[in-house]
Full PDB file with SEQRES, HELIX, SHEET, SSBOND, CRYST1, ORIGX, SCALE, CONECT and MASTER records, all heavy atoms in Angstrom:
SEQRES   1 A   32  ALA GLU VAL ARG ASP THR HIS LEU ALA ALA LYS ARG GLU          
SEQRES   2 A   32  ALA GLY ALA LYS ALA ASP ASP LEU ARG ALA ARG LEU LYS          
SEQRES   3 A   32  THR LEU ASP GLY LYS LYS                                      
HELIX    1 AA1 GLU A    2  LYS A   31  1                                  30    
CRYST1    1.000    1.000    1.000  90.00  90.00  90.00 P 1           1          
ORIGX1      1.000000  0.000000  0.000000        0.00000                         
ORIGX2      0.000000  1.000000  0.000000        0.00000                         
ORIGX3      0.000000  0.000000  1.000000        0.00000                         
SCALE1      1.000000  0.000000  0.000000        0.00000                         
SCALE2      0.000000  1.000000  0.000000        0.00000                         
SCALE3      0.000000  0.000000  1.000000        0.00000                         
ATOM      1  N   ALA A   1     -10.439 -20.565  -1.625  1.00  0.00           N  
ATOM      2  CA  ALA A   1      -9.166 -19.774  -1.548  1.00  0.00           C  
ATOM      3  C   ALA A   1      -8.194 -20.481  -0.607  1.00  0.00           C  
ATOM      4  O   ALA A   1      -7.012 -20.463  -0.806  1.00  0.00           O  
ATOM      5  CB  ALA A   1      -9.444 -18.377  -1.122  1.00  0.00           C  
ATOM      6  N   GLU A   2      -8.720 -20.968   0.490  1.00  0.00           N  
ATOM      7  CA  GLU A   2      -7.817 -21.623   1.517  1.00  0.00           C  
ATOM      8  C   GLU A   2      -7.257 -22.879   0.911  1.00  0.00           C  
ATOM      9  O   GLU A   2      -6.060 -23.151   1.081  1.00  0.00           O  
ATOM     10  CB  GLU A   2      -8.661 -21.996   2.748  1.00  0.00           C  
ATOM     11  CG  GLU A   2      -9.033 -20.789   3.662  1.00  0.00           C  
ATOM     12  CD  GLU A   2      -9.732 -21.243   4.953  1.00  0.00           C  
ATOM     13  OE1 GLU A   2     -10.142 -22.438   5.000  1.00  0.00           O  
ATOM     14  OE2 GLU A   2      -9.827 -20.408   5.810  1.00  0.00           O  
ATOM     15  N   VAL A   3      -8.079 -23.667   0.180  1.00  0.00           N  
ATOM     16  CA  VAL A   3      -7.581 -24.843  -0.545  1.00  0.00           C  
ATOM     17  C   VAL A   3      -6.428 -24.478  -1.489  1.00  0.00           C  
ATOM     18  O   VAL A   3      -5.367 -25.067  -1.574  1.00  0.00           O  
ATOM     19  CB  VAL A   3      -8.649 -25.645  -1.188  1.00  0.00           C  
ATOM     20  CG1 VAL A   3      -8.144 -26.734  -2.059  1.00  0.00           C  
ATOM     21  CG2 VAL A   3      -9.643 -26.183  -0.163  1.00  0.00           C  
ATOM     22  N   ARG A   4      -6.791 -23.402  -2.292  1.00  0.00           N  
ATOM     23  CA  ARG A   4      -5.823 -22.977  -3.303  1.00  0.00           C  
ATOM     24  C   ARG A   4      -4.505 -22.513  -2.628  1.00  0.00           C  
ATOM     25  O   ARG A   4      -3.424 -22.889  -3.080  1.00  0.00           O  
ATOM     26  CB  ARG A   4      -6.394 -21.769  -4.105  1.00  0.00           C  
ATOM     27  CG  ARG A   4      -5.453 -21.188  -5.119  1.00  0.00           C  
ATOM     28  CD  ARG A   4      -5.832 -19.824  -5.491  1.00  0.00           C  
ATOM     29  NE  ARG A   4      -5.788 -18.923  -4.326  1.00  0.00           N  
ATOM     30  CZ  ARG A   4      -6.185 -17.585  -4.326  1.00  0.00           C  
ATOM     31  NH1 ARG A   4      -6.660 -17.135  -5.431  1.00  0.00           N  
ATOM     32  NH2 ARG A   4      -6.132 -16.944  -3.247  1.00  0.00           N  
ATOM     33  N   ASP A   5      -4.573 -21.754  -1.570  1.00  0.00           N  
ATOM     34  CA  ASP A   5      -3.371 -21.292  -0.866  1.00  0.00           C  
ATOM     35  C   ASP A   5      -2.579 -22.383  -0.272  1.00  0.00           C  
ATOM     36  O   ASP A   5      -1.361 -22.356  -0.218  1.00  0.00           O  
ATOM     37  CB  ASP A   5      -3.760 -20.235   0.177  1.00  0.00           C  
ATOM     38  CG  ASP A   5      -4.299 -18.983  -0.441  1.00  0.00           C  
ATOM     39  OD1 ASP A   5      -4.174 -18.796  -1.666  1.00  0.00           O  
ATOM     40  OD2 ASP A   5      -4.982 -18.186   0.274  1.00  0.00           O  
ATOM     41  N   THR A   6      -3.316 -23.457   0.270  1.00  0.00           N  
ATOM     42  CA  THR A   6      -2.620 -24.608   0.824  1.00  0.00           C  
ATOM     43  C   THR A   6      -1.800 -25.336  -0.233  1.00  0.00           C  
ATOM     44  O   THR A   6      -0.620 -25.714  -0.013  1.00  0.00           O  
ATOM     45  CB  THR A   6      -3.622 -25.605   1.413  1.00  0.00           C  
ATOM     46  OG1 THR A   6      -4.381 -24.906   2.521  1.00  0.00           O  
ATOM     47  CG2 THR A   6      -2.956 -26.767   1.985  1.00  0.00           C  
ATOM     48  N   HIS A   7      -2.388 -25.523  -1.441  1.00  0.00           N  
ATOM     49  CA  HIS A   7      -1.695 -26.174  -2.507  1.00  0.00           C  
ATOM     50  C   HIS A   7      -0.535 -25.303  -3.027  1.00  0.00           C  
ATOM     51  O   HIS A   7       0.543 -25.866  -3.400  1.00  0.00           O  
ATOM     52  CB  HIS A   7      -2.648 -26.458  -3.683  1.00  0.00           C  
ATOM     53  CG  HIS A   7      -3.653 -27.575  -3.320  1.00  0.00           C  
ATOM     54  ND1 HIS A   7      -3.378 -28.644  -2.575  1.00  0.00           N  
ATOM     55  CD2 HIS A   7      -4.992 -27.707  -3.669  1.00  0.00           C  
ATOM     56  CE1 HIS A   7      -4.471 -29.416  -2.440  1.00  0.00           C  
ATOM     57  NE2 HIS A   7      -5.453 -28.813  -3.097  1.00  0.00           N  
ATOM     58  N   LEU A   8      -0.704 -24.023  -3.051  1.00  0.00           N  
ATOM     59  CA  LEU A   8       0.296 -23.117  -3.454  1.00  0.00           C  
ATOM     60  C   LEU A   8       1.527 -23.198  -2.446  1.00  0.00           C  
ATOM     61  O   LEU A   8       2.713 -23.239  -2.898  1.00  0.00           O  
ATOM     62  CB  LEU A   8      -0.187 -21.667  -3.521  1.00  0.00           C  
ATOM     63  CG  LEU A   8       0.827 -20.585  -3.900  1.00  0.00           C  
ATOM     64  CD1 LEU A   8       1.408 -20.870  -5.242  1.00  0.00           C  
ATOM     65  CD2 LEU A   8       0.175 -19.221  -3.833  1.00  0.00           C  
ATOM     66  N   ALA A   9       1.188 -23.259  -1.182  1.00  0.00           N  
ATOM     67  CA  ALA A   9       2.279 -23.407  -0.159  1.00  0.00           C  
ATOM     68  C   ALA A   9       2.966 -24.717  -0.299  1.00  0.00           C  
ATOM     69  O   ALA A   9       4.211 -24.783  -0.198  1.00  0.00           O  
ATOM     70  CB  ALA A   9       1.681 -23.248   1.239  1.00  0.00           C  
ATOM     71  N   ALA A  10       2.186 -25.784  -0.581  1.00  0.00           N  
ATOM     72  CA  ALA A  10       2.869 -27.157  -0.820  1.00  0.00           C  
ATOM     73  C   ALA A  10       3.757 -27.086  -1.989  1.00  0.00           C  
ATOM     74  O   ALA A  10       4.869 -27.701  -2.003  1.00  0.00           O  
ATOM     75  CB  ALA A  10       1.765 -28.155  -0.921  1.00  0.00           C  
ATOM     76  N   LYS A  11       3.291 -26.470  -3.068  1.00  0.00           N  
ATOM     77  CA  LYS A  11       4.196 -26.338  -4.300  1.00  0.00           C  
ATOM     78  C   LYS A  11       5.426 -25.585  -4.007  1.00  0.00           C  
ATOM     79  O   LYS A  11       6.498 -25.967  -4.405  1.00  0.00           O  
ATOM     80  CB  LYS A  11       3.327 -25.681  -5.399  1.00  0.00           C  
ATOM     81  CG  LYS A  11       4.128 -25.376  -6.683  1.00  0.00           C  
ATOM     82  CD  LYS A  11       3.270 -24.610  -7.654  1.00  0.00           C  
ATOM     83  CE  LYS A  11       4.149 -24.212  -8.846  1.00  0.00           C  
ATOM     84  NZ  LYS A  11       5.058 -23.133  -8.488  1.00  0.00           N  
ATOM     85  N   ARG A  12       5.300 -24.476  -3.309  1.00  0.00           N  
ATOM     86  CA  ARG A  12       6.476 -23.696  -3.001  1.00  0.00           C  
ATOM     87  C   ARG A  12       7.459 -24.416  -2.111  1.00  0.00           C  
ATOM     88  O   ARG A  12       8.666 -24.412  -2.300  1.00  0.00           O  
ATOM     89  CB  ARG A  12       6.059 -22.369  -2.293  1.00  0.00           C  
ATOM     90  CG  ARG A  12       5.406 -21.343  -3.234  1.00  0.00           C  
ATOM     91  CD  ARG A  12       4.843 -20.194  -2.479  1.00  0.00           C  
ATOM     92  NE  ARG A  12       4.365 -19.174  -3.397  1.00  0.00           N  
ATOM     93  CZ  ARG A  12       3.582 -18.148  -2.991  1.00  0.00           C  
ATOM     94  NH1 ARG A  12       3.280 -18.044  -1.673  1.00  0.00           N  
ATOM     95  NH2 ARG A  12       3.152 -17.288  -3.872  1.00  0.00           N  
ATOM     96  N   GLU A  13       6.917 -25.161  -1.100  1.00  0.00           N  
ATOM     97  CA  GLU A  13       7.793 -25.925  -0.190  1.00  0.00           C  
ATOM     98  C   GLU A  13       8.481 -27.042  -0.901  1.00  0.00           C  
ATOM     99  O   GLU A  13       9.709 -27.224  -0.685  1.00  0.00           O  
ATOM    100  CB  GLU A  13       6.936 -26.567   0.952  1.00  0.00           C  
ATOM    101  CG  GLU A  13       7.694 -27.264   2.007  1.00  0.00           C  
ATOM    102  CD  GLU A  13       6.855 -27.829   3.104  1.00  0.00           C  
ATOM    103  OE1 GLU A  13       5.633 -27.606   3.133  1.00  0.00           O  
ATOM    104  OE2 GLU A  13       7.372 -28.600   3.942  1.00  0.00           O  
ATOM    105  N   ALA A  14       7.701 -27.758  -1.766  1.00  0.00           N  
ATOM    106  CA  ALA A  14       8.402 -28.897  -2.489  1.00  0.00           C  
ATOM    107  C   ALA A  14       9.426 -28.324  -3.468  1.00  0.00           C  
ATOM    108  O   ALA A  14      10.498 -28.865  -3.685  1.00  0.00           O  
ATOM    109  CB  ALA A  14       7.337 -29.652  -3.281  1.00  0.00           C  
ATOM    110  N   GLY A  15       9.137 -27.149  -4.117  1.00  0.00           N  
ATOM    111  CA  GLY A  15      10.026 -26.534  -5.031  1.00  0.00           C  
ATOM    112  C   GLY A  15      11.299 -26.124  -4.281  1.00  0.00           C  
ATOM    113  O   GLY A  15      12.458 -26.337  -4.842  1.00  0.00           O  
ATOM    114  N   ALA A  16      11.192 -25.492  -3.156  1.00  0.00           N  
ATOM    115  CA  ALA A  16      12.321 -25.031  -2.383  1.00  0.00           C  
ATOM    116  C   ALA A  16      13.204 -26.231  -1.937  1.00  0.00           C  
ATOM    117  O   ALA A  16      14.441 -26.228  -1.984  1.00  0.00           O  
ATOM    118  CB  ALA A  16      11.930 -24.278  -1.176  1.00  0.00           C  
ATOM    119  N   LYS A  17      12.497 -27.353  -1.498  1.00  0.00           N  
ATOM    120  CA  LYS A  17      13.250 -28.571  -1.076  1.00  0.00           C  
ATOM    121  C   LYS A  17      13.942 -29.117  -2.270  1.00  0.00           C  
ATOM    122  O   LYS A  17      15.114 -29.667  -2.161  1.00  0.00           O  
ATOM    123  CB  LYS A  17      12.252 -29.544  -0.485  1.00  0.00           C  
ATOM    124  CG  LYS A  17      12.945 -30.674   0.224  1.00  0.00           C  
ATOM    125  CD  LYS A  17      11.956 -31.585   0.932  1.00  0.00           C  
ATOM    126  CE  LYS A  17      12.686 -32.702   1.686  1.00  0.00           C  
ATOM    127  NZ  LYS A  17      11.784 -33.523   2.396  1.00  0.00           N  
ATOM    128  N   ALA A  18      13.301 -29.164  -3.448  1.00  0.00           N  
ATOM    129  CA  ALA A  18      13.904 -29.682  -4.648  1.00  0.00           C  
ATOM    130  C   ALA A  18      15.196 -28.920  -5.006  1.00  0.00           C  
ATOM    131  O   ALA A  18      16.189 -29.468  -5.370  1.00  0.00           O  
ATOM    132  CB  ALA A  18      12.968 -29.741  -5.799  1.00  0.00           C  
ATOM    133  N   ASP A  19      15.065 -27.577  -4.955  1.00  0.00           N  
ATOM    134  CA  ASP A  19      16.250 -26.731  -5.274  1.00  0.00           C  
ATOM    135  C   ASP A  19      17.384 -26.988  -4.290  1.00  0.00           C  
ATOM    136  O   ASP A  19      18.495 -27.031  -4.698  1.00  0.00           O  
ATOM    137  CB  ASP A  19      15.832 -25.245  -5.138  1.00  0.00           C  
ATOM    138  CG  ASP A  19      14.836 -24.818  -6.286  1.00  0.00           C  
ATOM    139  OD1 ASP A  19      14.838 -25.566  -7.336  1.00  0.00           O  
ATOM    140  OD2 ASP A  19      14.205 -23.776  -6.155  1.00  0.00           O  
ATOM    141  N   ASP A  20      17.015 -27.170  -3.026  1.00  0.00           N  
ATOM    142  CA  ASP A  20      18.069 -27.410  -2.013  1.00  0.00           C  
ATOM    143  C   ASP A  20      18.718 -28.789  -2.302  1.00  0.00           C  
ATOM    144  O   ASP A  20      19.967 -28.927  -2.230  1.00  0.00           O  
ATOM    145  CB  ASP A  20      17.417 -27.489  -0.602  1.00  0.00           C  
ATOM    146  CG  ASP A  20      18.477 -27.776   0.460  1.00  0.00           C  
ATOM    147  OD1 ASP A  20      19.449 -27.052   0.589  1.00  0.00           O  
ATOM    148  OD2 ASP A  20      18.294 -28.763   1.205  1.00  0.00           O  
ATOM    149  N   LEU A  21      17.956 -29.823  -2.653  1.00  0.00           N  
ATOM    150  CA  LEU A  21      18.483 -31.138  -2.952  1.00  0.00           C  
ATOM    151  C   LEU A  21      19.346 -31.093  -4.195  1.00  0.00           C  
ATOM    152  O   LEU A  21      20.386 -31.767  -4.248  1.00  0.00           O  
ATOM    153  CB  LEU A  21      17.289 -32.114  -3.194  1.00  0.00           C  
ATOM    154  CG  LEU A  21      16.718 -32.726  -1.921  1.00  0.00           C  
ATOM    155  CD1 LEU A  21      15.439 -33.496  -2.236  1.00  0.00           C  
ATOM    156  CD2 LEU A  21      17.696 -33.665  -1.246  1.00  0.00           C  
ATOM    157  N   ARG A  22      18.912 -30.359  -5.179  1.00  0.00           N  
ATOM    158  CA  ARG A  22      19.759 -30.239  -6.407  1.00  0.00           C  
ATOM    159  C   ARG A  22      21.085 -29.618  -6.075  1.00  0.00           C  
ATOM    160  O   ARG A  22      22.127 -30.050  -6.624  1.00  0.00           O  
ATOM    161  CB  ARG A  22      19.028 -29.416  -7.467  1.00  0.00           C  
ATOM    162  CG  ARG A  22      17.845 -30.117  -8.053  1.00  0.00           C  
ATOM    163  CD  ARG A  22      17.211 -29.289  -9.217  1.00  0.00           C  
ATOM    164  NE  ARG A  22      15.920 -29.863  -9.624  1.00  0.00           N  
ATOM    165  CZ  ARG A  22      14.711 -29.334  -9.292  1.00  0.00           C  
ATOM    166  NH1 ARG A  22      14.719 -28.202  -8.578  1.00  0.00           N  
ATOM    167  NH2 ARG A  22      13.612 -29.871  -9.620  1.00  0.00           N  
ATOM    168  N   ALA A  23      21.082 -28.611  -5.269  1.00  0.00           N  
ATOM    169  CA  ALA A  23      22.402 -27.986  -4.844  1.00  0.00           C  
ATOM    170  C   ALA A  23      23.261 -28.902  -4.097  1.00  0.00           C  
ATOM    171  O   ALA A  23      24.487 -29.036  -4.324  1.00  0.00           O  
ATOM    172  CB  ALA A  23      22.054 -26.708  -3.973  1.00  0.00           C  
ATOM    173  N   ARG A  24      22.688 -29.698  -3.161  1.00  0.00           N  
ATOM    174  CA  ARG A  24      23.389 -30.714  -2.395  1.00  0.00           C  
ATOM    175  C   ARG A  24      23.973 -31.783  -3.333  1.00  0.00           C  
ATOM    176  O   ARG A  24      25.111 -32.216  -3.164  1.00  0.00           O  
ATOM    177  CB  ARG A  24      22.506 -31.325  -1.312  1.00  0.00           C  
ATOM    178  CG  ARG A  24      22.313 -30.463  -0.093  1.00  0.00           C  
ATOM    179  CD  ARG A  24      21.202 -30.977   0.801  1.00  0.00           C  
ATOM    180  NE  ARG A  24      21.389 -32.422   1.058  1.00  0.00           N  
ATOM    181  CZ  ARG A  24      20.372 -33.183   1.504  1.00  0.00           C  
ATOM    182  NH1 ARG A  24      19.141 -32.664   1.755  1.00  0.00           N  
ATOM    183  NH2 ARG A  24      20.590 -34.534   1.783  1.00  0.00           N  
ATOM    184  N   LEU A  25      23.118 -32.251  -4.259  1.00  0.00           N  
ATOM    185  CA  LEU A  25      23.613 -33.276  -5.195  1.00  0.00           C  
ATOM    186  C   LEU A  25      24.787 -32.742  -6.068  1.00  0.00           C  
ATOM    187  O   LEU A  25      25.730 -33.467  -6.315  1.00  0.00           O  
ATOM    188  CB  LEU A  25      22.456 -33.706  -6.127  1.00  0.00           C  
ATOM    189  CG  LEU A  25      21.457 -34.712  -5.531  1.00  0.00           C  
ATOM    190  CD1 LEU A  25      20.304 -34.901  -6.500  1.00  0.00           C  
ATOM    191  CD2 LEU A  25      22.142 -35.990  -5.113  1.00  0.00           C  
ATOM    192  N   LYS A  26      24.701 -31.495  -6.445  1.00  0.00           N  
ATOM    193  CA  LYS A  26      25.777 -30.916  -7.218  1.00  0.00           C  
ATOM    194  C   LYS A  26      27.074 -30.877  -6.413  1.00  0.00           C  
ATOM    195  O   LYS A  26      28.190 -31.230  -6.931  1.00  0.00           O  
ATOM    196  CB  LYS A  26      25.393 -29.497  -7.631  1.00  0.00           C  
ATOM    197  CG  LYS A  26      26.423 -28.838  -8.625  1.00  0.00           C  
ATOM    198  CD  LYS A  26      25.910 -27.457  -9.082  1.00  0.00           C  
ATOM    199  CE  LYS A  26      26.922 -26.864 -10.087  1.00  0.00           C  
ATOM    200  NZ  LYS A  26      26.459 -25.484 -10.539  1.00  0.00           N  
ATOM    201  N   THR A  27      26.967 -30.555  -5.178  1.00  0.00           N  
ATOM    202  CA  THR A  27      28.092 -30.501  -4.280  1.00  0.00           C  
ATOM    203  C   THR A  27      28.728 -31.975  -4.074  1.00  0.00           C  
ATOM    204  O   THR A  27      29.923 -32.201  -4.189  1.00  0.00           O  
ATOM    205  CB  THR A  27      27.795 -29.913  -2.889  1.00  0.00           C  
ATOM    206  OG1 THR A  27      27.301 -28.595  -3.073  1.00  0.00           O  
ATOM    207  CG2 THR A  27      28.997 -29.903  -1.943  1.00  0.00           C  
ATOM    208  N   LEU A  28      27.776 -32.912  -3.824  1.00  0.00           N  
ATOM    209  CA  LEU A  28      28.159 -34.292  -3.596  1.00  0.00           C  
ATOM    210  C   LEU A  28      28.822 -34.842  -4.884  1.00  0.00           C  
ATOM    211  O   LEU A  28      29.787 -35.597  -4.837  1.00  0.00           O  
ATOM    212  CB  LEU A  28      26.960 -35.145  -3.256  1.00  0.00           C  
ATOM    213  CG  LEU A  28      26.559 -35.152  -1.813  1.00  0.00           C  
ATOM    214  CD1 LEU A  28      25.212 -35.855  -1.599  1.00  0.00           C  
ATOM    215  CD2 LEU A  28      27.587 -35.791  -0.914  1.00  0.00           C  
ATOM    216  N   ASP A  29      28.244 -34.500  -6.016  1.00  0.00           N  
ATOM    217  CA  ASP A  29      28.824 -34.983  -7.276  1.00  0.00           C  
ATOM    218  C   ASP A  29      30.207 -34.446  -7.511  1.00  0.00           C  
ATOM    219  O   ASP A  29      31.097 -35.160  -7.945  1.00  0.00           O  
ATOM    220  CB  ASP A  29      27.854 -34.568  -8.449  1.00  0.00           C  
ATOM    221  CG  ASP A  29      28.310 -35.203  -9.783  1.00  0.00           C  
ATOM    222  OD1 ASP A  29      28.494 -36.433  -9.777  1.00  0.00           O  
ATOM    223  OD2 ASP A  29      28.432 -34.537 -10.769  1.00  0.00           O  
ATOM    224  N   GLY A  30      30.430 -33.192  -7.141  1.00  0.00           N  
ATOM    225  CA  GLY A  30      31.775 -32.642  -7.256  1.00  0.00           C  
ATOM    226  C   GLY A  30      32.750 -33.340  -6.340  1.00  0.00           C  
ATOM    227  O   GLY A  30      33.892 -33.627  -6.764  1.00  0.00           O  
ATOM    228  N   LYS A  31      32.332 -33.619  -5.110  1.00  0.00           N  
ATOM    229  CA  LYS A  31      33.198 -34.317  -4.192  1.00  0.00           C  
ATOM    230  C   LYS A  31      33.490 -35.690  -4.669  1.00  0.00           C  
ATOM    231  O   LYS A  31      34.584 -36.225  -4.576  1.00  0.00           O  
ATOM    232  CB  LYS A  31      32.607 -34.369  -2.795  1.00  0.00           C  
ATOM    233  CG  LYS A  31      32.560 -33.013  -2.079  1.00  0.00           C  
ATOM    234  CD  LYS A  31      31.898 -33.127  -0.746  1.00  0.00           C  
ATOM    235  CE  LYS A  31      31.847 -31.779  -0.003  1.00  0.00           C  
ATOM    236  NZ  LYS A  31      31.231 -31.881   1.355  1.00  0.00           N  
ATOM    237  N   LYS A  32      32.421 -36.369  -5.192  1.00  0.00           N  
ATOM    238  CA  LYS A  32      32.587 -37.773  -5.703  1.00  0.00           C  
ATOM    239  C   LYS A  32      33.592 -37.781  -6.830  1.00  0.00           C  
ATOM    240  O   LYS A  32      34.467 -38.624  -6.885  1.00  0.00           O  
ATOM    241  CB  LYS A  32      31.209 -38.236  -6.166  1.00  0.00           C  
ATOM    242  CG  LYS A  32      31.240 -39.668  -6.742  1.00  0.00           C  
ATOM    243  CD  LYS A  32      29.793 -40.175  -6.983  1.00  0.00           C  
ATOM    244  CE  LYS A  32      29.141 -39.454  -8.081  1.00  0.00           C  
ATOM    245  NZ  LYS A  32      29.657 -39.857  -9.424  1.00  0.00           N  
TER     246      LYS A  32                                                      
MASTER        0    0    0    1    0    0    0    6  245    1    0    3          
END                                                                             
């Protein structure tokens, strides 16, 4: 369960970072 929860947290963290990067890229693309 600990291993599963660790992987779940990693998935969530990577997903949140990816969403943030996509938003930043969208803003940068608009400025560009």
